[in-house]
PDB file of all heavy atoms in Angstrom:
ATOM      1  N   THR A   1     165.688  55.548 185.625  1.00  0.00           N
ATOM      2  CA  THR A   1     165.381  57.026 185.902  1.00  0.00           C
ATOM      3  C   THR A   1     165.730  57.250 187.214  1.00  0.00           C
ATOM      4  O   THR A   1     165.918  56.428 188.143  1.00  0.00           O
ATOM      5  CB  THR A   1     163.775  57.284 185.619  1.00  0.00           C
ATOM      6  OG1 THR A   1     163.045  56.560 186.478  1.00  0.00           O
ATOM      7  CG2 THR A   1     163.410  56.774 184.143  1.00  0.00           C
ATOM      8  N   MET A   2     165.606  58.700 187.488  1.00  0.00           N
ATOM      9  CA  MET A   2     165.909  59.133 188.862  1.00  0.00           C
ATOM     10  C   MET A   2     164.984  58.652 189.936  1.00  0.00           C
ATOM     11  O   MET A   2     165.500  58.311 191.045  1.00  0.00           O
ATOM     12  CB  MET A   2     165.895  60.801 188.806  1.00  0.00           C
ATOM     13  CG  MET A   2     167.023  61.374 188.019  1.00  0.00           C
ATOM     14  SD  MET A   2     168.693  61.186 188.668  1.00  0.00           S
ATOM     15  CE  MET A   2     168.371  61.846 190.191  1.00  0.00           C
ATOM     16  N   SER A   3     163.780  58.432 189.504  1.00  0.00           N
ATOM     17  CA  SER A   3     162.833  58.149 190.662  1.00  0.00           C
ATOM     18  C   SER A   3     162.323  56.688 190.614  1.00  0.00           C
ATOM     19  O   SER A   3     161.651  56.208 191.509  1.00  0.00           O
ATOM     20  CB  SER A   3     161.472  59.024 190.527  1.00  0.00           C
ATOM     21  OG  SER A   3     160.967  58.842 189.261  1.00  0.00           O
ATOM     22  N   GLN A   4     162.858  55.921 189.831  1.00  0.00           N
ATOM     23  CA  GLN A   4     162.579  54.671 189.715  1.00  0.00           C
ATOM     24  C   GLN A   4     163.042  53.850 191.075  1.00  0.00           C
ATOM     25  O   GLN A   4     164.024  54.115 191.514  1.00  0.00           O
ATOM     26  CB  GLN A   4     163.258  53.841 188.531  1.00  0.00           C
ATOM     27  CG  GLN A   4     162.792  52.580 188.036  1.00  0.00           C
ATOM     28  CD  GLN A   4     163.271  52.206 186.616  1.00  0.00           C
ATOM     29  OE1 GLN A   4     164.036  53.065 185.983  1.00  0.00           O
ATOM     30  NE2 GLN A   4     162.762  51.195 186.072  1.00  0.00           N
ATOM     31  N   THR A   5     162.059  52.831 191.427  1.00  0.00           N
ATOM     32  CA  THR A   5     162.377  52.302 192.672  1.00  0.00           C
ATOM     33  C   THR A   5     163.277  51.058 192.322  1.00  0.00           C
ATOM     34  O   THR A   5     162.867  50.011 191.923  1.00  0.00           O
ATOM     35  CB  THR A   5     161.162  51.729 193.377  1.00  0.00           C
ATOM     36  OG1 THR A   5     160.344  50.978 192.431  1.00  0.00           O
ATOM     37  CG2 THR A   5     160.308  52.998 193.909  1.00  0.00           C
ATOM     38  N   LEU A   6     164.600  51.275 192.694  1.00  0.00           N
ATOM     39  CA  LEU A   6     165.629  50.262 192.300  1.00  0.00           C
ATOM     40  C   LEU A   6     165.584  48.948 193.150  1.00  0.00           C
ATOM     41  O   LEU A   6     165.654  47.834 192.449  1.00  0.00           O
ATOM     42  CB  LEU A   6     167.026  50.775 192.668  1.00  0.00           C
ATOM     43  CG  LEU A   6     167.338  52.174 191.814  1.00  0.00           C
ATOM     44  CD1 LEU A   6     168.580  52.699 192.454  1.00  0.00           C
ATOM     45  CD2 LEU A   6     167.312  52.034 190.411  1.00  0.00           C
ATOM     46  N   LEU A   7     165.264  48.987 194.302  1.00  0.00           N
ATOM     47  CA  LEU A   7     165.210  47.668 195.185  1.00  0.00           C
ATOM     48  C   LEU A   7     163.886  46.971 194.970  1.00  0.00           C
ATOM     49  O   LEU A   7     163.771  45.832 194.724  1.00  0.00           O
ATOM     50  CB  LEU A   7     165.544  48.076 196.643  1.00  0.00           C
ATOM     51  CG  LEU A   7     166.897  48.584 196.993  1.00  0.00           C
ATOM     52  CD1 LEU A   7     166.985  49.057 198.413  1.00  0.00           C
ATOM     53  CD2 LEU A   7     167.855  47.238 196.910  1.00  0.00           C
ATOM     54  N   ASP A   8     162.875  47.872 195.077  1.00  0.00           N
ATOM     55  CA  ASP A   8     161.514  47.339 194.975  1.00  0.00           C
ATOM     56  C   ASP A   8     161.217  46.547 193.551  1.00  0.00           C
ATOM     57  O   ASP A   8     160.579  45.690 193.510  1.00  0.00           O
ATOM     58  CB  ASP A   8     160.422  48.502 195.039  1.00  0.00           C
ATOM     59  CG  ASP A   8     160.350  48.935 196.409  1.00  0.00           C
ATOM     60  OD1 ASP A   8     160.924  48.404 197.342  1.00  0.00           O
ATOM     61  OD2 ASP A   8     159.819  50.068 196.642  1.00  0.00           O
ATOM     62  N   GLU A   9     161.878  47.061 192.465  1.00  0.00           N
ATOM     63  CA  GLU A   9     161.788  46.515 191.170  1.00  0.00           C
ATOM     64  C   GLU A   9     162.679  45.423 190.895  1.00  0.00           C
ATOM     65  O   GLU A   9     162.853  44.890 189.816  1.00  0.00           O
ATOM     66  CB  GLU A   9     161.853  47.625 190.132  1.00  0.00           C
ATOM     67  CG  GLU A   9     160.668  48.628 190.167  1.00  0.00           C
ATOM     68  CD  GLU A   9     160.689  49.717 189.081  1.00  0.00           C
ATOM     69  OE1 GLU A   9     160.905  49.431 187.981  1.00  0.00           O
ATOM     70  OE2 GLU A   9     160.410  50.787 189.468  1.00  0.00           O
ATOM     71  N   GLY A  10     163.589  45.162 191.839  1.00  0.00           N
ATOM     72  CA  GLY A  10     164.685  44.249 191.737  1.00  0.00           C
ATOM     73  C   GLY A  10     165.834  44.604 190.674  1.00  0.00           C
ATOM     74  O   GLY A  10     166.510  43.664 190.228  1.00  0.00           O
ATOM     75  N   LEU A  11     165.879  45.921 190.542  1.00  0.00           N
ATOM     76  CA  LEU A  11     167.082  46.360 189.649  1.00  0.00           C
ATOM     77  C   LEU A  11     168.394  46.289 190.200  1.00  0.00           C
ATOM     78  O   LEU A  11     169.389  46.146 189.560  1.00  0.00           O
ATOM     79  CB  LEU A  11     166.641  47.749 189.155  1.00  0.00           C
ATOM     80  CG  LEU A  11     165.471  47.986 188.354  1.00  0.00           C
ATOM     81  CD1 LEU A  11     165.074  49.347 188.194  1.00  0.00           C
ATOM     82  CD2 LEU A  11     165.724  47.259 186.922  1.00  0.00           C
ATOM     83  N   ILE A  12     168.427  46.370 191.495  1.00  0.00           N
ATOM     84  CA  ILE A  12     169.616  46.155 192.332  1.00  0.00           C
ATOM     85  C   ILE A  12     169.375  45.218 193.528  1.00  0.00           C
ATOM     86  O   ILE A  12     168.237  45.267 194.039  1.00  0.00           O
ATOM     87  CB  ILE A  12     170.293  47.515 192.825  1.00  0.00           C
ATOM     88  CG1 ILE A  12     169.409  48.261 193.737  1.00  0.00           C
ATOM     89  CG2 ILE A  12     170.693  48.381 191.608  1.00  0.00           C
ATOM     90  CD1 ILE A  12     170.195  49.540 194.426  1.00  0.00           C
ATOM     91  N   ASP A  13     170.339  44.462 193.798  1.00  0.00           N
ATOM     92  CA  ASP A  13     170.316  43.586 194.994  1.00  0.00           C
ATOM     93  C   ASP A  13     171.354  43.923 196.037  1.00  0.00           C
ATOM     94  O   ASP A  13     171.961  44.947 195.829  1.00  0.00           O
ATOM     95  CB  ASP A  13     170.356  42.076 194.554  1.00  0.00           C
ATOM     96  CG  ASP A  13     171.723  41.853 193.747  1.00  0.00           C
ATOM     97  OD1 ASP A  13     172.605  42.578 193.864  1.00  0.00           O
ATOM     98  OD2 ASP A  13     171.737  40.684 193.047  1.00  0.00           O
ATOM     99  N   SER A  14     171.474  43.097 196.908  1.00  0.00           N
ATOM    100  CA  SER A  14     172.355  43.460 198.049  1.00  0.00           C
ATOM    101  C   SER A  14     173.882  43.503 197.622  1.00  0.00           C
ATOM    102  O   SER A  14     174.594  44.325 198.056  1.00  0.00           O
ATOM    103  CB  SER A  14     172.257  42.405 199.204  1.00  0.00           C
ATOM    104  OG  SER A  14     172.509  41.158 198.783  1.00  0.00           O
ATOM    105  N   LEU A  15     174.260  42.665 196.646  1.00  0.00           N
ATOM    106  CA  LEU A  15     175.540  42.687 196.205  1.00  0.00           C
ATOM    107  C   LEU A  15     175.838  43.906 195.282  1.00  0.00           C
ATOM    108  O   LEU A  15     176.895  44.629 195.592  1.00  0.00           O
ATOM    109  CB  LEU A  15     175.933  41.434 195.334  1.00  0.00           C
ATOM    110  CG  LEU A  15     177.266  41.326 194.803  1.00  0.00           C
ATOM    111  CD1 LEU A  15     178.274  41.400 195.918  1.00  0.00           C
ATOM    112  CD2 LEU A  15     177.478  40.102 194.016  1.00  0.00           C
ATOM    113  N   THR A  16     174.845  44.272 194.560  1.00  0.00           N
ATOM    114  CA  THR A  16     175.042  45.548 193.691  1.00  0.00           C
ATOM    115  C   THR A  16     175.027  46.730 194.624  1.00  0.00           C
ATOM    116  O   THR A  16     175.725  47.664 194.345  1.00  0.00           O
ATOM    117  CB  THR A  16     173.843  45.622 192.760  1.00  0.00           C
ATOM    118  OG1 THR A  16     173.802  44.491 191.842  1.00  0.00           O
ATOM    119  CG2 THR A  16     173.975  46.745 191.721  1.00  0.00           C
ATOM    120  N   THR A  17     174.286  46.772 195.718  1.00  0.00           N
ATOM    121  CA  THR A  17     174.197  47.887 196.572  1.00  0.00           C
ATOM    122  C   THR A  17     175.596  48.125 197.267  1.00  0.00           C
ATOM    123  O   THR A  17     176.025  49.145 197.359  1.00  0.00           O
ATOM    124  CB  THR A  17     173.153  47.713 197.680  1.00  0.00           C
ATOM    125  OG1 THR A  17     171.880  47.500 197.095  1.00  0.00           O
ATOM    126  CG2 THR A  17     172.974  48.866 198.647  1.00  0.00           C
ATOM    127  N   ILE A  18     176.297  46.969 197.683  1.00  0.00           N
ATOM    128  CA  ILE A  18     177.579  47.038 198.196  1.00  0.00           C
ATOM    129  C   ILE A  18     178.535  47.647 197.220  1.00  0.00           C
ATOM    130  O   ILE A  18     179.405  48.479 197.625  1.00  0.00           O
ATOM    131  CB  ILE A  18     177.988  45.734 198.752  1.00  0.00           C
ATOM    132  CG1 ILE A  18     177.075  45.319 200.040  1.00  0.00           C
ATOM    133  CG2 ILE A  18     179.422  45.694 199.181  1.00  0.00           C
ATOM    134  CD1 ILE A  18     177.239  43.871 200.536  1.00  0.00           C
ATOM    135  N   GLU A  19     178.463  47.024 195.975  1.00  0.00           N
ATOM    136  CA  GLU A  19     179.339  47.660 194.969  1.00  0.00           C
ATOM    137  C   GLU A  19     179.147  49.134 194.717  1.00  0.00           C
ATOM    138  O   GLU A  19     180.064  49.958 194.544  1.00  0.00           O
ATOM    139  CB  GLU A  19     179.092  46.903 193.603  1.00  0.00           C
ATOM    140  CG  GLU A  19     179.525  45.512 193.721  1.00  0.00           C
ATOM    141  CD  GLU A  19     179.246  44.816 192.165  1.00  0.00           C
ATOM    142  OE1 GLU A  19     179.984  45.181 191.233  1.00  0.00           O
ATOM    143  OE2 GLU A  19     178.367  43.999 192.255  1.00  0.00           O
ATOM    144  N   LEU A  20     177.923  49.469 194.729  1.00  0.00           N
ATOM    145  CA  LEU A  20     177.513  50.952 194.605  1.00  0.00           C
ATOM    146  C   LEU A  20     178.103  51.809 195.774  1.00  0.00           C
ATOM    147  O   LEU A  20     178.646  52.922 195.601  1.00  0.00           O
ATOM    148  CB  LEU A  20     176.012  51.037 194.442  1.00  0.00           C
ATOM    149  CG  LEU A  20     175.387  52.557 194.511  1.00  0.00           C
ATOM    150  CD1 LEU A  20     176.013  53.199 193.201  1.00  0.00           C
ATOM    151  CD2 LEU A  20     173.848  52.513 194.369  1.00  0.00           C
ATOM    152  N   ILE A  21     177.857  51.306 197.001  1.00  0.00           N
ATOM    153  CA  ILE A  21     178.435  52.042 198.144  1.00  0.00           C
ATOM    154  C   ILE A  21     179.960  52.223 198.127  1.00  0.00           C
ATOM    155  O   ILE A  21     180.474  53.282 198.223  1.00  0.00           O
ATOM    156  CB  ILE A  21     178.104  51.327 199.335  1.00  0.00           C
ATOM    157  CG1 ILE A  21     176.615  51.398 199.694  1.00  0.00           C
ATOM    158  CG2 ILE A  21     178.902  51.947 200.542  1.00  0.00           C
ATOM    159  CD1 ILE A  21     176.191  50.381 200.649  1.00  0.00           C
ATOM    160  N   THR A  22     180.691  51.125 197.565  1.00  0.00           N
ATOM    161  CA  THR A  22     182.138  51.305 197.355  1.00  0.00           C
ATOM    162  C   THR A  22     182.374  52.414 196.416  1.00  0.00           C
ATOM    163  O   THR A  22     183.278  53.264 196.638  1.00  0.00           O
ATOM    164  CB  THR A  22     182.745  50.014 197.050  1.00  0.00           C
ATOM    165  OG1 THR A  22     182.356  48.926 197.954  1.00  0.00           O
ATOM    166  CG2 THR A  22     184.246  50.141 196.758  1.00  0.00           C
ATOM    167  N   LYS A  23     181.739  52.362 195.231  1.00  0.00           N
ATOM    168  CA  LYS A  23     181.991  53.304 194.267  1.00  0.00           C
ATOM    169  C   LYS A  23     181.590  54.743 194.711  1.00  0.00           C
ATOM    170  O   LYS A  23     182.356  55.739 194.358  1.00  0.00           O
ATOM    171  CB  LYS A  23     181.191  53.006 192.986  1.00  0.00           C
ATOM    172  CG  LYS A  23     181.824  51.809 192.284  1.00  0.00           C
ATOM    173  CD  LYS A  23     181.090  51.337 190.910  1.00  0.00           C
ATOM    174  CE  LYS A  23     181.679  50.286 190.292  1.00  0.00           C
ATOM    175  NZ  LYS A  23     182.963  50.450 189.586  1.00  0.00           N
ATOM    176  N   LEU A  24     180.572  55.016 195.488  1.00  0.00           N
ATOM    177  CA  LEU A  24     180.169  56.273 195.964  1.00  0.00           C
ATOM    178  C   LEU A  24     181.109  56.844 196.882  1.00  0.00           C
ATOM    179  O   LEU A  24     181.499  58.000 196.761  1.00  0.00           O
ATOM    180  CB  LEU A  24     178.683  56.149 196.595  1.00  0.00           C
ATOM    181  CG  LEU A  24     177.579  55.810 195.732  1.00  0.00           C
ATOM    182  CD1 LEU A  24     176.342  55.546 196.591  1.00  0.00           C
ATOM    183  CD2 LEU A  24     177.320  56.954 194.752  1.00  0.00           C
ATOM    184  N   GLU A  25     181.671  55.893 197.707  1.00  0.00           N
ATOM    185  CA  GLU A  25     182.509  56.452 198.818  1.00  0.00           C
ATOM    186  C   GLU A  25     183.848  56.832 198.092  1.00  0.00           C
ATOM    187  O   GLU A  25     184.570  57.866 198.539  1.00  0.00           O
ATOM    188  CB  GLU A  25     183.035  55.257 199.793  1.00  0.00           C
ATOM    189  CG  GLU A  25     181.735  55.041 200.699  1.00  0.00           C
ATOM    190  CD  GLU A  25     181.940  53.998 201.725  1.00  0.00           C
ATOM    191  OE1 GLU A  25     182.734  53.004 201.542  1.00  0.00           O
ATOM    192  OE2 GLU A  25     181.391  54.144 202.785  1.00  0.00           O
ATOM    193  N   GLU A  26     184.351  56.126 196.985  1.00  0.00           N
ATOM    194  CA  GLU A  26     185.542  56.486 196.214  1.00  0.00           C
ATOM    195  C   GLU A  26     185.410  57.680 195.519  1.00  0.00           C
ATOM    196  O   GLU A  26     186.066  58.609 195.468  1.00  0.00           O
ATOM    197  CB  GLU A  26     185.876  55.348 195.267  1.00  0.00           C
ATOM    198  CG  GLU A  26     186.380  54.065 196.062  1.00  0.00           C
ATOM    199  CD  GLU A  26     186.697  52.847 195.159  1.00  0.00           C
ATOM    200  OE1 GLU A  26     186.378  52.928 193.922  1.00  0.00           O
ATOM    201  OE2 GLU A  26     187.056  51.875 195.685  1.00  0.00           O
ATOM    202  N   GLN A  27     184.200  57.778 194.787  1.00  0.00           N
ATOM    203  CA  GLN A  27     183.875  58.956 193.794  1.00  0.00           C
ATOM    204  C   GLN A  27     183.733  60.204 194.592  1.00  0.00           C
ATOM    205  O   GLN A  27     184.262  61.258 194.042  1.00  0.00           O
ATOM    206  CB  GLN A  27     182.665  58.604 192.977  1.00  0.00           C
ATOM    207  CG  GLN A  27     182.159  59.719 192.069  1.00  0.00           C
ATOM    208  CD  GLN A  27     183.114  59.735 190.914  1.00  0.00           C
ATOM    209  OE1 GLN A  27     183.469  58.657 190.232  1.00  0.00           O
ATOM    210  NE2 GLN A  27     183.398  60.757 190.288  1.00  0.00           N
ATOM    211  N   PHE A  28     182.946  60.201 195.688  1.00  0.00           N
ATOM    212  CA  PHE A  28     182.804  61.392 196.339  1.00  0.00           C
ATOM    213  C   PHE A  28     183.639  61.641 197.561  1.00  0.00           C
ATOM    214  O   PHE A  28     183.403  62.618 198.405  1.00  0.00           O
ATOM    215  CB  PHE A  28     181.206  61.388 196.753  1.00  0.00           C
ATOM    216  CG  PHE A  28     180.322  61.486 195.589  1.00  0.00           C
ATOM    217  CD1 PHE A  28     179.791  60.270 195.107  1.00  0.00           C
ATOM    218  CD2 PHE A  28     180.142  62.660 194.792  1.00  0.00           C
ATOM    219  CE1 PHE A  28     178.961  60.352 193.939  1.00  0.00           C
ATOM    220  CE2 PHE A  28     179.337  62.732 193.777  1.00  0.00           C
ATOM    221  CZ  PHE A  28     178.779  61.651 193.284  1.00  0.00           C
ATOM    222  N   ASN A  29     184.474  60.621 197.887  1.00  0.00           N
ATOM    223  CA  ASN A  29     185.340  60.838 199.093  1.00  0.00           C
ATOM    224  C   ASN A  29     184.563  60.915 200.298  1.00  0.00           C
ATOM    225  O   ASN A  29     184.724  61.910 201.171  1.00  0.00           O
ATOM    226  CB  ASN A  29     186.277  61.903 198.867  1.00  0.00           C
ATOM    227  CG  ASN A  29     187.445  61.859 199.935  1.00  0.00           C
ATOM    228  OD1 ASN A  29     187.806  60.722 200.444  1.00  0.00           O
ATOM    229  ND2 ASN A  29     188.139  62.945 200.293  1.00  0.00           N
ATOM    230  N   ILE A  30     183.536  60.190 200.417  1.00  0.00           N
ATOM    231  CA  ILE A  30     182.657  60.153 201.714  1.00  0.00           C
ATOM    232  C   ILE A  30     182.732  58.792 202.432  1.00  0.00           C
ATOM    233  O   ILE A  30     183.239  57.894 201.849  1.00  0.00           O
ATOM    234  CB  ILE A  30     181.135  60.454 201.301  1.00  0.00           C
ATOM    235  CG1 ILE A  30     180.619  59.399 200.354  1.00  0.00           C
ATOM    236  CG2 ILE A  30     181.101  61.765 200.681  1.00  0.00           C
ATOM    237  CD1 ILE A  30     179.142  59.523 199.953  1.00  0.00           C
ATOM    238  N   ASN A  31     182.139  58.748 203.620  1.00  0.00           N
ATOM    239  CA  ASN A  31     181.927  57.533 204.268  1.00  0.00           C
ATOM    240  C   ASN A  31     180.551  57.187 204.657  1.00  0.00           C
ATOM    241  O   ASN A  31     179.925  58.020 205.297  1.00  0.00           O
ATOM    242  CB  ASN A  31     182.754  57.476 205.578  1.00  0.00           C
ATOM    243  CG  ASN A  31     182.765  56.225 206.316  1.00  0.00           C
ATOM    244  OD1 ASN A  31     182.705  55.190 205.744  1.00  0.00           O
ATOM    245  ND2 ASN A  31     182.740  56.282 207.643  1.00  0.00           N
ATOM    246  N   ILE A  32     179.945  56.146 204.120  1.00  0.00           N
ATOM    247  CA  ILE A  32     178.617  55.794 204.215  1.00  0.00           C
ATOM    248  C   ILE A  32     178.485  54.859 205.424  1.00  0.00           C
ATOM    249  O   ILE A  32     179.034  53.847 205.456  1.00  0.00           O
ATOM    250  CB  ILE A  32     178.026  55.197 203.088  1.00  0.00           C
ATOM    251  CG1 ILE A  32     177.950  56.229 201.936  1.00  0.00           C
ATOM    252  CG2 ILE A  32     176.544  54.665 203.357  1.00  0.00           C
ATOM    253  CD1 ILE A  32     177.367  55.725 200.565  1.00  0.00           C
ATOM    254  N   ASP A  33     177.827  55.303 206.631  1.00  0.00           N
ATOM    255  CA  ASP A  33     177.759  54.626 207.881  1.00  0.00           C
ATOM    256  C   ASP A  33     176.834  53.470 207.744  1.00  0.00           C
ATOM    257  O   ASP A  33     175.817  53.456 206.938  1.00  0.00           O
ATOM    258  CB  ASP A  33     177.400  55.480 208.997  1.00  0.00           C
ATOM    259  CG  ASP A  33     178.397  56.698 209.072  1.00  0.00           C
ATOM    260  OD1 ASP A  33     179.725  56.484 209.081  1.00  0.00           O
ATOM    261  OD2 ASP A  33     177.860  57.806 209.252  1.00  0.00           O
ATOM    262  N   THR A  34     177.004  52.440 208.636  1.00  0.00           N
ATOM    263  CA  THR A  34     176.126  51.284 208.678  1.00  0.00           C
ATOM    264  C   THR A  34     174.680  51.891 209.015  1.00  0.00           C
ATOM    265  O   THR A  34     173.684  51.251 208.547  1.00  0.00           O
ATOM    266  CB  THR A  34     176.494  50.237 209.754  1.00  0.00           C
ATOM    267  OG1 THR A  34     176.715  50.858 210.946  1.00  0.00           O
ATOM    268  CG2 THR A  34     177.813  49.560 209.176  1.00  0.00           C
ATOM    269  N   ASP A  35     174.540  52.925 209.768  1.00  0.00           N
ATOM    270  CA  ASP A  35     173.186  53.410 210.043  1.00  0.00           C
ATOM    271  C   ASP A  35     172.488  53.997 208.789  1.00  0.00           C
ATOM    272  O   ASP A  35     171.286  54.101 208.775  1.00  0.00           O
ATOM    273  CB  ASP A  35     173.362  54.658 210.998  1.00  0.00           C
ATOM    274  CG  ASP A  35     173.749  54.257 212.367  1.00  0.00           C
ATOM    275  OD1 ASP A  35     173.710  53.099 212.715  1.00  0.00           O
ATOM    276  OD2 ASP A  35     174.185  55.130 213.270  1.00  0.00           O
ATOM    277  N   ASP A  36     173.189  54.267 207.768  1.00  0.00           N
ATOM    278  CA  ASP A  36     172.749  54.790 206.557  1.00  0.00           C
ATOM    279  C   ASP A  36     172.133  53.681 205.489  1.00  0.00           C
ATOM    280  O   ASP A  36     171.668  53.913 204.556  1.00  0.00           O
ATOM    281  CB  ASP A  36     173.728  55.598 205.689  1.00  0.00           C
ATOM    282  CG  ASP A  36     174.305  56.804 206.596  1.00  0.00           C
ATOM    283  OD1 ASP A  36     173.335  57.461 207.121  1.00  0.00           O
ATOM    284  OD2 ASP A  36     175.522  56.999 206.452  1.00  0.00           O
ATOM    285  N   LEU A  37     172.515  52.430 205.954  1.00  0.00           N
ATOM    286  CA  LEU A  37     172.292  51.196 205.008  1.00  0.00           C
ATOM    287  C   LEU A  37     170.727  50.844 205.352  1.00  0.00           C
ATOM    288  O   LEU A  37     170.579  49.901 206.153  1.00  0.00           O
ATOM    289  CB  LEU A  37     173.278  50.094 205.279  1.00  0.00           C
ATOM    290  CG  LEU A  37     174.654  50.398 205.155  1.00  0.00           C
ATOM    291  CD1 LEU A  37     175.560  49.140 205.330  1.00  0.00           C
ATOM    292  CD2 LEU A  37     174.990  51.053 203.675  1.00  0.00           C
ATOM    293  N   ASN A  38     169.902  51.491 204.633  1.00  0.00           N
ATOM    294  CA  ASN A  38     168.563  51.076 204.733  1.00  0.00           C
ATOM    295  C   ASN A  38     167.779  51.146 203.387  1.00  0.00           C
ATOM    296  O   ASN A  38     168.383  51.703 202.444  1.00  0.00           O
ATOM    297  CB  ASN A  38     167.703  51.878 205.859  1.00  0.00           C
ATOM    298  CG  ASN A  38     167.723  53.452 205.442  1.00  0.00           C
ATOM    299  OD1 ASN A  38     167.320  53.759 204.378  1.00  0.00           O
ATOM    300  ND2 ASN A  38     168.259  54.122 206.298  1.00  0.00           N
ATOM    301  N   HIS A  39     166.720  50.429 203.262  1.00  0.00           N
ATOM    302  CA  HIS A  39     165.888  50.345 202.060  1.00  0.00           C
ATOM    303  C   HIS A  39     165.614  51.749 201.463  1.00  0.00           C
ATOM    304  O   HIS A  39     165.788  51.911 200.332  1.00  0.00           O
ATOM    305  CB  HIS A  39     164.643  49.602 202.411  1.00  0.00           C
ATOM    306  CG  HIS A  39     163.808  49.252 201.095  1.00  0.00           C
ATOM    307  ND1 HIS A  39     164.053  48.174 200.393  1.00  0.00           N
ATOM    308  CD2 HIS A  39     162.821  49.994 200.529  1.00  0.00           C
ATOM    309  CE1 HIS A  39     163.316  48.106 199.394  1.00  0.00           C
ATOM    310  NE2 HIS A  39     162.429  49.211 199.376  1.00  0.00           N
ATOM    311  N   HIS A  40     165.208  52.650 202.235  1.00  0.00           N
ATOM    312  CA  HIS A  40     164.790  53.961 201.698  1.00  0.00           C
ATOM    313  C   HIS A  40     166.057  54.622 201.178  1.00  0.00           C
ATOM    314  O   HIS A  40     165.756  55.210 199.963  1.00  0.00           O
ATOM    315  CB  HIS A  40     164.300  54.805 202.994  1.00  0.00           C
ATOM    316  CG  HIS A  40     163.958  56.181 202.545  1.00  0.00           C
ATOM    317  ND1 HIS A  40     162.954  56.617 201.735  1.00  0.00           N
ATOM    318  CD2 HIS A  40     164.731  57.400 202.664  1.00  0.00           C
ATOM    319  CE1 HIS A  40     162.927  57.903 201.542  1.00  0.00           C
ATOM    320  NE2 HIS A  40     164.039  58.443 202.100  1.00  0.00           N
ATOM    321  N   ASN A  41     167.059  54.692 201.704  1.00  0.00           N
ATOM    322  CA  ASN A  41     168.345  55.466 201.156  1.00  0.00           C
ATOM    323  C   ASN A  41     168.793  54.912 199.842  1.00  0.00           C
ATOM    324  O   ASN A  41     169.439  55.725 199.062  1.00  0.00           O
ATOM    325  CB  ASN A  41     169.461  55.383 202.130  1.00  0.00           C
ATOM    326  CG  ASN A  41     169.289  56.395 203.322  1.00  0.00           C
ATOM    327  OD1 ASN A  41     168.418  57.293 203.278  1.00  0.00           O
ATOM    328  ND2 ASN A  41     169.955  56.107 204.382  1.00  0.00           N
ATOM    329  N   PHE A  42     168.559  53.717 199.515  1.00  0.00           N
ATOM    330  CA  PHE A  42     169.086  53.051 198.287  1.00  0.00           C
ATOM    331  C   PHE A  42     167.995  52.560 197.372  1.00  0.00           C
ATOM    332  O   PHE A  42     168.285  51.929 196.437  1.00  0.00           O
ATOM    333  CB  PHE A  42     170.104  51.937 198.665  1.00  0.00           C
ATOM    334  CG  PHE A  42     171.342  52.368 199.253  1.00  0.00           C
ATOM    335  CD1 PHE A  42     171.410  52.577 200.507  1.00  0.00           C
ATOM    336  CD2 PHE A  42     172.303  52.825 198.466  1.00  0.00           C
ATOM    337  CE1 PHE A  42     172.569  53.009 201.334  1.00  0.00           C
ATOM    338  CE2 PHE A  42     173.507  53.333 199.037  1.00  0.00           C
ATOM    339  CZ  PHE A  42     173.612  53.363 200.433  1.00  0.00           C
ATOM    340  N   ASN A  43     166.800  53.038 197.539  1.00  0.00           N
ATOM    341  CA  ASN A  43     165.760  52.552 196.639  1.00  0.00           C
ATOM    342  C   ASN A  43     165.488  53.297 195.436  1.00  0.00           C
ATOM    343  O   ASN A  43     164.868  52.978 194.476  1.00  0.00           O
ATOM    344  CB  ASN A  43     164.372  52.536 197.398  1.00  0.00           C
ATOM    345  CG  ASN A  43     163.290  51.650 196.737  1.00  0.00           C
ATOM    346  OD1 ASN A  43     163.626  50.683 196.217  1.00  0.00           O
ATOM    347  ND2 ASN A  43     162.072  51.879 196.913  1.00  0.00           N
TER     348      ASN A  43
END
């Protein structure tokens, strides 16, 4: 669901997060900075 805690519930891990970031950058033509890589932003 939209509000489900992905990291806290173990639904995504660090490798999945990296794959997701790559797909997001490609899909939306954006750049996610290292400063953006935190638990809150991807939970």
